[in-house]
Protein backbone atom coordinates (compact mmCIF):
# COMPACT_ATOMS: atom_id res chain seq x y z
CA UNK A 1 24.71 49.48 5.29
CA UNK A 2 27.93 50.63 6.88
CA UNK A 3 29.45 48.28 9.46
CA UNK A 4 31.63 50.46 11.67
CA UNK A 5 35.14 49.36 12.49
CA UNK A 6 37.63 50.89 14.86
CA UNK A 7 41.32 51.15 15.59
CA UNK A 8 43.62 50.78 18.53
CA UNK A 9 46.82 52.79 18.84
CA UNK A 10 49.60 52.17 21.33
CA UNK A 11 53.39 52.24 21.45
CA UNK A 12 53.56 49.14 19.24
CA UNK A 13 51.60 50.72 16.38
CA UNK A 14 48.04 50.65 15.02
CA UNK A 15 45.53 47.82 14.79
CA UNK A 16 42.46 48.44 12.58
CA UNK A 17 39.63 46.02 13.32
CA UNK A 18 35.97 45.30 12.73
CA UNK A 19 34.59 42.94 15.36
CA UNK A 20 30.99 43.47 14.16
CA UNK A 21 31.55 42.00 10.68
CA UNK A 22 30.56 38.36 10.15
CA UNK A 23 32.79 37.08 7.35
CA UNK A 24 31.35 33.55 7.28
CA UNK A 25 29.59 34.08 3.89
CA UNK A 26 32.76 35.21 2.09
CA UNK A 27 33.98 32.96 -0.74
CA UNK A 28 36.20 35.39 -2.65
CA UNK A 29 38.26 38.52 -2.04
CA UNK A 30 40.07 40.91 -4.36
CA UNK A 31 41.29 44.51 -4.48
CA UNK A 32 40.68 47.42 -6.83
CA UNK A 33 43.04 50.32 -7.52
CA UNK A 34 41.56 52.82 -9.97
CA UNK A 35 43.95 54.22 -12.59
CA UNK A 36 43.33 57.80 -11.40
CA UNK A 37 41.00 59.88 -9.24
CA UNK A 38 39.20 60.95 -12.43
CA UNK A 39 38.18 57.37 -13.33
CA UNK A 40 34.78 56.05 -12.17
CA UNK A 41 34.23 52.28 -12.13
CA UNK A 42 30.54 51.59 -12.63
CA UNK A 43 27.71 50.96 -12.88
CA UNK A 44 28.12 47.29 -12.08
CA UNK A 45 26.22 44.98 -9.77
CA UNK A 46 24.44 41.76 -9.03
CA UNK A 47 20.88 40.54 -8.60
CA UNK A 48 21.92 37.59 -6.39
CA UNK A 49 25.47 38.18 -5.11
CA UNK A 50 26.34 40.33 -2.13
CA UNK A 51 29.48 42.42 -1.85
CA UNK A 52 31.37 43.99 1.04
CA UNK A 53 33.78 46.90 0.48
CA UNK A 54 36.54 48.16 2.75
CA UNK A 55 39.08 50.85 1.94
CA UNK A 56 42.54 49.67 2.92
CA UNK A 57 44.48 52.65 1.54
CA UNK A 58 43.41 56.21 0.76
CA UNK A 59 39.71 56.92 0.28
CA UNK A 60 36.80 56.14 -2.06
CA UNK A 61 33.33 57.42 -2.82
CA UNK A 62 30.89 54.60 -3.53
CA UNK A 63 27.39 55.18 -4.91
CA UNK A 64 24.92 52.32 -4.39
CA UNK A 65 21.61 52.02 -6.24
CA UNK A 66 18.94 49.41 -5.51
CA UNK A 67 17.75 48.28 -8.96
CA UNK A 68 14.01 48.00 -9.59
CA UNK A 69 14.30 45.86 -12.77
CA UNK A 70 17.64 44.52 -14.00
CA UNK A 71 16.37 44.14 -17.58
CA UNK A 72 15.11 47.74 -17.79
CA UNK A 73 15.99 49.78 -14.67
CA UNK A 74 14.45 53.18 -14.09
CA UNK A 75 16.92 55.93 -15.00
CA UNK A 76 15.90 58.16 -12.07
CA UNK A 77 16.82 55.80 -9.21
CA UNK A 78 18.52 57.63 -6.34
CA UNK A 79 21.84 56.42 -4.97
CA UNK A 80 23.00 56.10 -1.40
CA UNK A 81 26.44 57.70 -1.21
CA UNK A 82 29.25 56.46 1.05
CA UNK A 83 32.76 57.68 1.64
CA UNK A 84 35.20 55.06 2.86
CA UNK A 85 38.73 55.66 4.04
CA UNK A 86 41.47 53.50 5.50
CA UNK A 87 40.79 54.57 9.10
CA UNK A 88 39.09 52.05 11.39
CA UNK A 89 38.30 49.26 8.89
CA UNK A 90 34.70 50.27 8.15
CA UNK A 91 32.91 47.83 5.84
CA UNK A 92 30.17 48.78 3.40
CA UNK A 93 27.71 45.89 2.95
CA UNK A 94 25.98 46.01 -0.45
CA UNK A 95 22.97 43.74 -0.62
CA UNK A 96 21.96 41.67 -3.63
CA UNK A 97 19.96 43.65 -6.17
CA UNK A 98 22.26 46.68 -6.24
CA UNK A 99 24.76 48.31 -8.58
CA UNK A 100 27.72 50.46 -7.58
CA UNK A 101 29.87 53.24 -8.99
CA UNK A 102 33.29 53.59 -7.39
CA UNK A 103 35.61 56.61 -7.50
CA UNK A 104 38.91 57.02 -5.67
CA UNK A 105 39.10 60.30 -3.76
CA UNK A 106 42.86 60.24 -3.30
CA UNK A 107 45.71 58.95 -5.47
CA UNK A 108 46.99 55.42 -4.85
CA UNK A 109 43.82 54.32 -3.05
CA UNK A 110 43.07 50.60 -2.66
CA UNK A 111 39.68 48.99 -2.07
CA UNK A 112 39.17 45.47 -0.70
CA UNK A 113 36.09 43.67 -2.06
CA UNK A 114 34.59 40.48 -0.65
CA UNK A 115 31.90 38.39 -2.37
CA UNK A 116 29.61 35.58 -1.28
CA UNK A 117 30.03 33.58 -4.53
CA UNK A 118 33.18 32.21 -6.14
CA UNK A 119 34.28 33.51 -9.54
CA UNK A 120 32.03 32.08 -12.30
CA UNK A 121 29.94 30.14 -9.76
CA UNK A 122 26.81 31.86 -11.11
CA UNK A 123 26.08 34.22 -14.00
CA UNK A 124 24.97 37.34 -12.16
CA UNK A 125 26.85 40.37 -13.45
CA UNK A 126 25.01 43.44 -14.71
CA UNK A 127 26.65 46.52 -16.20
CA UNK A 128 25.13 49.83 -17.22
CA UNK A 129 26.79 52.81 -18.93
CA UNK A 130 28.23 55.36 -16.54
CA UNK A 131 25.75 58.03 -17.68
CA UNK A 132 22.68 55.73 -17.44
CA UNK A 133 21.53 57.02 -14.02
CA UNK A 134 22.57 60.66 -14.61
CA UNK A 135 24.43 60.92 -11.30
CA UNK A 136 27.62 62.89 -10.72
CA UNK A 137 30.31 61.46 -8.43
């Protein structure tokens, strides 16, 4: 689900904001900068944890797949595709039970990620080979 942000511009500069995002569940934040626009980070996800993504520089394509069985997921699951950019502080909310593949669309892009569990608080990381779901980004 995309939580729309906005921006305000005046003579002082630009303020990007998202007044519709409730950050009370956040326990951890970090950023990702892919090595190049050819690199795809994925498929990785969580059965229990939630994640929120916001592009703070450049732009990203993020594919999100709801997993039917984390031990043996169907290979033909369809992704929801999102394009995030640094305009307006939009936030992509990824529910528990999903995996993502992340690709920068422009050089030097930076993605902010927020999680509702602290690092190593639970064991809930799942990874699948990039070609597992047969999807092109």
